[in-house]
């Protein structure tokens, strides 16, 4: 167990280091001047000597390996630098908005897979009936609706014409602690996110269940007198659970990217809009922090899904133990 946990921790650190190097180099090779973000229009009035001095103060004139080493050393101590645009610590800017994104993304993520499992089981129980065919066709049509178009349509209907729901923001002015206000502002964004992702995962889980229904043990269960409902709920769903958790782990990046799109459409203050803004204005420190937080969420979710799968399916633990004991035998 300790070896397994240690291996996952090492893998997490390794992937985060690779990601940080990739983003650090790529962001600095992109065309543009970060001084424009820090000084604004004043940079055009600065002489070349003043610009070089400004870059030296911001630590932008050193070679890339030196810049990365300094950034990594400071990041290890919890200092991720200042935001060039906001002139505040990058972690303070991120901390004010990440809660909104996590709240919206977590609720949408839970709703998508809760409804996906229910719909998949329902379709598996009614395979090839008119209800199953109708749900499949309707789900396919809805899935291909562009999220931004659907969001604008919902704003037009429910905000502009009916005045039932707010068109943007995370809460009413001065109501950050009001749960009712937050929920009201999340209705339309959640509708777009769930609609955009639901059928894709429902269809995947439905196919997994149908493959399981056709296995030999299902025939034996039917011969023992179990109904289709009992077989699907008690046996098939349990056997495809590792696949569902794997799908859930892979989907984190998919759902998270959908959150970023929704934040742009509904002017929802979160790290999605912040990442676009930091890339646009070459706000290196803030961009690094946003990307690393996003990457950490994706990597951790994958490792957690693997751990859960190992607990559900003991065969995975045996196979993994074999992979680690074979090299030991050669030693």
Protein backbone atom coordinates (compact mmCIF):
# COMPACT_ATOMS: atom_id res chain seq x y z
CA UNK A 1 0.00 0.00 0.00
CA UNK A 2 2.77 2.45 0.93
CA UNK A 3 4.65 1.58 -2.27
CA UNK A 4 1.51 2.25 -4.29
CA UNK A 5 0.90 5.60 -2.59
CA UNK A 6 4.54 6.58 -3.00
CA UNK A 7 4.47 5.69 -6.68
CA UNK A 8 1.40 7.88 -7.23
CA UNK A 9 2.97 10.80 -5.38
CA UNK A 10 6.13 10.52 -7.47
CA UNK A 11 4.05 10.35 -10.65
CA UNK A 12 2.11 13.45 -9.61
CA UNK A 13 5.28 15.45 -8.90
CA UNK A 14 6.88 14.32 -12.16
CA UNK A 15 3.88 15.29 -14.32
CA UNK A 16 3.54 18.64 -12.57
CA UNK A 17 7.22 19.41 -13.22
CA UNK A 18 6.88 18.47 -16.89
CA UNK A 19 3.76 20.61 -17.19
CA UNK A 20 5.42 23.58 -15.50
CA UNK A 21 8.44 23.41 -17.84
CA UNK A 22 6.24 23.14 -20.92
CA UNK A 23 4.00 26.08 -19.96
CA UNK A 24 6.94 28.20 -18.78
CA UNK A 25 8.81 27.87 -22.07
CA UNK A 26 5.75 28.07 -24.33
CA UNK A 27 4.37 31.20 -22.66
CA UNK A 28 7.67 33.05 -22.99
CA UNK A 29 8.14 32.05 -26.63
CA UNK A 30 4.73 33.45 -27.54
CA UNK A 31 4.85 36.82 -29.32
CA UNK A 32 4.10 39.86 -27.17
CA UNK A 33 5.63 42.03 -24.48
CA UNK A 34 4.75 41.44 -20.80
CA UNK A 35 5.78 45.03 -20.07
CA UNK A 36 2.61 46.10 -21.88
CA UNK A 37 0.61 44.21 -19.28
CA UNK A 38 2.50 45.72 -16.35
CA UNK A 39 2.89 49.33 -17.50
CA UNK A 40 0.07 49.67 -20.01
CA UNK A 41 0.38 52.47 -22.57
CA UNK A 42 3.25 54.02 -20.61
CA UNK A 43 5.63 51.43 -22.06
CA UNK A 44 5.49 53.23 -25.42
CA UNK A 45 6.96 56.34 -23.79
CA UNK A 46 9.83 54.46 -22.15
CA UNK A 47 13.29 54.45 -23.69
CA UNK A 48 15.13 51.20 -24.46
CA UNK A 49 17.27 51.65 -21.35
CA UNK A 50 14.18 52.11 -19.17
CA UNK A 51 12.55 49.04 -20.73
CA UNK A 52 15.63 46.92 -20.06
CA UNK A 53 15.70 48.16 -16.46
CA UNK A 54 12.01 47.31 -16.10
CA UNK A 55 12.61 43.79 -17.43
CA UNK A 56 15.47 43.38 -14.97
CA UNK A 57 13.22 44.39 -12.06
CA UNK A 58 10.60 41.87 -13.19
CA UNK A 59 13.23 39.17 -13.72
CA UNK A 60 12.56 38.87 -17.46
CA UNK A 61 16.03 39.55 -18.82
CA UNK A 62 17.76 36.41 -17.50
CA UNK A 63 18.10 33.22 -19.63
CA UNK A 64 15.06 30.93 -19.54
CA UNK A 65 16.73 28.18 -17.43
CA UNK A 66 17.69 30.80 -14.82
CA UNK A 67 14.18 32.29 -14.85
CA UNK A 68 12.61 28.84 -14.44
CA UNK A 69 14.97 27.86 -11.64
CA UNK A 70 14.14 31.04 -9.74
CA UNK A 71 10.41 30.56 -10.32
CA UNK A 72 10.55 26.92 -9.20
CA UNK A 73 12.50 27.81 -6.06
CA UNK A 74 9.99 30.49 -5.12
CA UNK A 75 7.00 28.28 -6.00
CA UNK A 76 8.31 25.54 -3.71
CA UNK A 77 8.05 28.10 -0.89
CA UNK A 78 4.51 29.11 -1.86
CA UNK A 79 5.50 32.28 -3.73
CA UNK A 80 4.13 32.19 -7.29
CA UNK A 81 5.09 35.76 -8.12
CA UNK A 82 2.96 38.79 -8.84
CA UNK A 83 0.38 39.30 -11.54
CA UNK A 84 1.73 41.74 -14.11
CA UNK A 85 -1.73 43.02 -14.96
CA UNK A 86 -3.18 43.35 -11.45
CA UNK A 87 0.13 44.05 -9.64
CA UNK A 88 -0.89 41.75 -6.83
CA UNK A 89 0.28 38.27 -5.79
CA UNK A 90 -0.95 35.81 -8.41
CA UNK A 91 -2.24 33.42 -5.76
CA UNK A 92 -4.43 36.18 -4.29
CA UNK A 93 -6.01 36.87 -7.69
CA UNK A 94 -6.64 33.17 -8.26
CA UNK A 95 -7.96 32.58 -4.75
CA UNK A 96 -10.71 35.15 -5.25
CA UNK A 97 -12.12 33.34 -8.30
CA UNK A 98 -11.28 29.65 -8.06
CA UNK A 99 -14.11 29.01 -5.61
CA UNK A 100 -16.69 30.09 -8.20
CA UNK A 101 -15.26 27.75 -10.83
CA UNK A 102 -14.97 24.80 -8.45
CA UNK A 103 -18.54 25.28 -7.24
CA UNK A 104 -19.97 25.44 -10.75
CA UNK A 105 -17.77 22.66 -12.11
CA UNK A 106 -18.34 20.28 -9.18
CA UNK A 107 -22.12 20.60 -9.28
CA UNK A 108 -22.17 20.19 -13.07
CA UNK A 109 -19.83 17.20 -12.87
CA UNK A 110 -21.98 15.47 -10.27
CA UNK A 111 -25.21 16.14 -12.13
CA UNK A 112 -23.80 14.94 -15.45
CA UNK A 113 -22.72 11.54 -14.15
CA UNK A 114 -25.65 11.03 -11.81
CA UNK A 115 -28.08 11.59 -14.66
CA UNK A 116 -25.85 9.73 -17.14
CA UNK A 117 -25.90 6.55 -15.04
CA UNK A 118 -29.67 6.73 -14.54
CA UNK A 119 -30.33 7.33 -18.24
CA UNK A 120 -27.87 4.60 -19.29
CA UNK A 121 -29.51 2.05 -16.99
CA UNK A 122 -32.96 3.08 -18.23
CA UNK A 123 -31.89 2.67 -21.86
CA UNK A 124 -30.26 -0.69 -21.11
CA UNK A 125 -33.45 -1.92 -19.45
CA UNK A 126 -35.53 -0.81 -22.46
CA UNK A 127 -33.08 -1.71 -25.21
CA UNK A 128 -34.40 -1.30 -28.77
CA UNK A 129 -37.82 -0.08 -27.60
CA UNK A 130 -39.31 3.16 -28.92
CA UNK A 131 -38.33 4.90 -25.67
CA UNK A 132 -34.68 3.89 -26.05
CA UNK A 133 -34.60 4.94 -29.72
CA UNK A 134 -36.27 8.29 -28.92
CA UNK A 135 -33.81 9.05 -26.11
CA UNK A 136 -30.85 8.13 -28.34
CA UNK A 137 -31.99 10.38 -31.19
CA UNK A 138 -32.91 13.28 -28.90
CA UNK A 139 -29.64 12.97 -26.99
CA UNK A 140 -27.61 12.98 -30.20
CA UNK A 141 -29.35 16.12 -31.46
CA UNK A 142 -28.91 17.97 -28.17
CA UNK A 143 -25.26 16.93 -27.87
CA UNK A 144 -24.38 18.60 -31.17
CA UNK A 145 -25.89 21.94 -30.21
CA UNK A 146 -23.02 24.46 -29.76
CA UNK A 147 -22.79 25.37 -26.04
CA UNK A 148 -22.27 29.08 -26.72
CA UNK A 149 -25.32 29.15 -29.04
CA UNK A 150 -27.44 27.32 -26.47
CA UNK A 151 -26.26 29.71 -23.76
CA UNK A 152 -27.17 32.78 -25.80
CA UNK A 153 -30.56 31.26 -26.59
CA UNK A 154 -31.28 30.64 -22.89
CA UNK A 155 -30.24 34.19 -22.05
CA UNK A 156 -32.54 35.56 -24.75
CA UNK A 157 -35.53 33.52 -23.56
CA UNK A 158 -35.21 33.41 -19.77
CA UNK A 159 -33.32 36.65 -19.08
CA UNK A 160 -34.20 39.14 -21.81
CA UNK A 161 -37.77 38.14 -22.66
CA UNK A 162 -39.16 36.47 -19.54
CA UNK A 163 -36.93 38.16 -16.91
CA UNK A 164 -36.99 34.99 -14.83
CA UNK A 165 -33.26 34.41 -14.38
CA UNK A 166 -30.10 36.57 -14.34
CA UNK A 167 -28.01 36.58 -17.51
CA UNK A 168 -24.58 36.66 -15.89
CA UNK A 169 -22.43 36.88 -12.79
CA UNK A 170 -22.04 34.48 -9.89
CA UNK A 171 -24.37 36.31 -7.48
CA UNK A 172 -26.17 39.62 -7.01
CA UNK A 173 -24.12 42.62 -5.92
CA UNK A 174 -23.12 42.26 -2.27
CA UNK A 175 -24.72 38.78 -2.01
CA UNK A 176 -21.62 36.57 -2.15
CA UNK A 177 -22.75 34.64 0.92
CA UNK A 178 -26.35 34.27 -0.26
CA UNK A 179 -26.81 30.63 -1.33
CA UNK A 180 -30.15 31.35 -3.03
CA UNK A 181 -28.57 34.10 -5.14
CA UNK A 182 -25.71 31.84 -6.17
CA UNK A 183 -28.05 29.00 -7.13
CA UNK A 184 -30.22 31.37 -9.15
CA UNK A 185 -27.19 32.54 -11.14
CA UNK A 186 -26.05 28.95 -11.75
CA UNK A 187 -29.30 27.64 -13.24
CA UNK A 188 -28.58 28.70 -16.83
CA UNK A 189 -24.84 27.83 -16.78
CA UNK A 190 -25.59 24.42 -15.29
CA UNK A 191 -28.29 23.80 -17.88
CA UNK A 192 -25.81 24.44 -20.69
CA UNK A 193 -23.08 22.31 -19.11
CA UNK A 194 -25.31 19.34 -18.33
CA UNK A 195 -26.99 19.48 -21.74
CA UNK A 196 -23.64 19.67 -23.54
CA UNK A 197 -22.07 16.68 -21.75
CA UNK A 198 -24.89 14.42 -20.59
CA UNK A 199 -25.59 12.33 -23.68
CA UNK A 200 -21.93 11.77 -24.52
CA UNK A 201 -21.31 9.96 -21.23
CA UNK A 202 -24.76 8.38 -21.14
CA UNK A 203 -24.08 6.73 -24.50
CA UNK A 204 -20.69 5.42 -23.35
CA UNK A 205 -22.09 3.94 -20.14
CA UNK A 206 -25.12 2.55 -22.01
CA UNK A 207 -22.84 0.66 -24.42
CA UNK A 208 -20.78 -0.71 -21.54
CA UNK A 209 -23.94 -1.98 -19.87
CA UNK A 210 -25.26 -3.54 -23.08
CA UNK A 211 -21.95 -5.37 -23.58
CA UNK A 212 -22.21 -6.66 -20.04
CA UNK A 213 -25.84 -7.75 -20.50
CA UNK A 214 -24.76 -10.06 -23.34
CA UNK A 215 -22.24 -12.02 -21.26
CA UNK A 216 -22.74 -15.64 -20.23
CA UNK A 217 -23.33 -15.03 -16.53
CA UNK A 218 -26.42 -12.99 -17.38
CA UNK A 219 -27.97 -16.05 -19.04
CA UNK A 220 -27.24 -18.04 -15.90
CA UNK A 221 -28.81 -15.32 -13.75
CA UNK A 222 -31.93 -15.36 -15.95
CA UNK A 223 -32.09 -19.14 -15.61
CA UNK A 224 -32.10 -18.70 -11.83
CA UNK A 225 -35.17 -16.49 -12.11
CA UNK A 226 -33.65 -13.01 -11.72
CA UNK A 227 -35.42 -10.23 -13.58
CA UNK A 228 -33.67 -7.91 -16.04
CA UNK A 229 -33.93 -5.06 -13.50
CA UNK A 230 -32.21 -7.15 -10.83
CA UNK A 231 -29.47 -8.30 -13.19
CA UNK A 232 -28.66 -4.82 -14.47
CA UNK A 233 -28.75 -3.06 -11.09
CA UNK A 234 -27.11 -5.75 -8.96
CA UNK A 235 -24.58 -7.30 -11.31
CA UNK A 236 -24.01 -5.47 -14.60
CA UNK A 237 -23.75 -2.00 -13.09
CA UNK A 238 -21.31 -3.24 -10.46
CA UNK A 239 -19.12 -4.95 -13.06
CA UNK A 240 -18.90 -1.86 -15.28
CA UNK A 241 -18.22 0.44 -12.30
CA UNK A 242 -14.42 0.48 -12.93
CA UNK A 243 -15.09 1.58 -16.51
CA UNK A 244 -17.43 4.30 -15.28
CA UNK A 245 -14.81 5.62 -12.86
CA UNK A 246 -12.24 5.61 -15.65
CA UNK A 247 -14.63 7.59 -17.85
CA UNK A 248 -15.23 10.02 -14.99
CA UNK A 249 -11.50 10.53 -14.53
CA UNK A 250 -10.91 11.19 -18.22
CA UNK A 251 -13.89 13.54 -18.35
CA UNK A 252 -12.49 16.04 -15.83
CA UNK A 253 -10.66 17.97 -18.54
CA UNK A 254 -13.72 17.79 -20.81
CA UNK A 255 -16.11 19.14 -18.19
CA UNK A 256 -13.56 21.71 -17.03
CA UNK A 257 -13.15 23.07 -20.56
CA UNK A 258 -16.94 23.29 -20.76
CA UNK A 259 -16.87 25.35 -17.57
CA UNK A 260 -14.49 27.81 -19.20
CA UNK A 261 -16.81 28.22 -22.21
CA UNK A 262 -19.83 28.77 -19.96
CA UNK A 263 -17.95 31.34 -17.90
CA UNK A 264 -17.27 33.33 -21.07
CA UNK A 265 -20.90 33.18 -22.28
CA UNK A 266 -22.51 34.06 -18.94
CA UNK A 267 -19.78 36.47 -17.72
CA UNK A 268 -19.31 34.13 -14.76
CA UNK A 269 -16.25 35.20 -12.73
CA UNK A 270 -13.93 32.20 -12.57
CA UNK A 271 -10.53 30.90 -13.57
CA UNK A 272 -11.70 30.17 -17.12
CA UNK A 273 -11.97 33.84 -18.00
CA UNK A 274 -8.84 34.48 -15.92
CA UNK A 275 -6.78 31.98 -17.95
CA UNK A 276 -7.80 33.58 -21.23
CA UNK A 277 -7.03 37.03 -19.87
CA UNK A 278 -3.64 36.03 -18.48
CA UNK A 279 -2.61 34.46 -21.80
CA UNK A 280 -3.83 37.49 -23.74
CA UNK A 281 -1.88 39.97 -21.62
CA UNK A 282 1.23 37.76 -21.17
CA UNK A 283 0.69 37.65 -17.42
CA UNK A 284 3.21 34.83 -17.01
CA UNK A 285 2.98 34.18 -13.28
CA UNK A 286 -0.82 34.16 -13.23
CA UNK A 287 -0.95 31.95 -16.34
CA UNK A 288 1.47 29.47 -14.79
CA UNK A 289 -0.59 29.25 -11.62
CA UNK A 290 -3.92 28.80 -13.45
CA UNK A 291 -2.53 26.08 -15.73
CA UNK A 292 -0.85 24.24 -12.86
CA UNK A 293 -4.01 24.27 -10.76
CA UNK A 294 -6.02 22.97 -13.71
CA UNK A 295 -3.42 20.31 -14.46
CA UNK A 296 -3.26 19.25 -10.81
CA UNK A 297 -7.04 18.74 -10.75
CA UNK A 298 -6.88 16.53 -13.84
CA UNK A 299 -3.89 14.47 -12.66
CA UNK A 300 -5.28 13.98 -9.14
CA UNK A 301 -8.66 12.90 -10.51
CA UNK A 302 -6.96 10.30 -12.72
CA UNK A 303 -4.92 8.92 -9.82
CA UNK A 304 -7.98 8.81 -7.57
CA UNK A 305 -9.97 6.98 -10.23
CA UNK A 306 -7.17 4.43 -10.56
CA UNK A 307 -7.12 3.94 -6.77
CA UNK A 308 -10.90 3.46 -6.64
CA UNK A 309 -10.73 0.98 -9.53
CA UNK A 310 -8.10 -1.01 -7.67
CA UNK A 311 -10.39 -1.21 -4.64
CA UNK A 312 -13.38 -2.26 -6.73
CA UNK A 313 -11.54 -4.73 -8.95
CA UNK A 314 -8.91 -6.76 -7.03
CA UNK A 315 -7.48 -8.03 -10.35
CA UNK A 316 -5.97 -4.58 -10.95
CA UNK A 317 -4.10 -4.74 -7.64
CA UNK A 318 -2.73 -8.18 -8.52
CA UNK A 319 -1.60 -7.05 -11.97
CA UNK A 320 0.00 -3.91 -10.59
CA UNK A 321 1.79 -5.86 -7.87
CA UNK A 322 3.11 -8.21 -10.53
CA UNK A 323 4.51 -5.32 -12.55
CA UNK A 324 6.45 -4.09 -9.53
CA UNK A 325 7.65 -7.48 -8.25
CA UNK A 326 9.05 -8.71 -11.60
CA UNK A 327 11.85 -6.13 -11.69
CA UNK A 328 12.65 -6.96 -8.06
CA UNK A 329 13.16 -10.63 -8.96
CA UNK A 330 15.71 -9.73 -11.60
CA UNK A 331 17.60 -7.65 -9.05
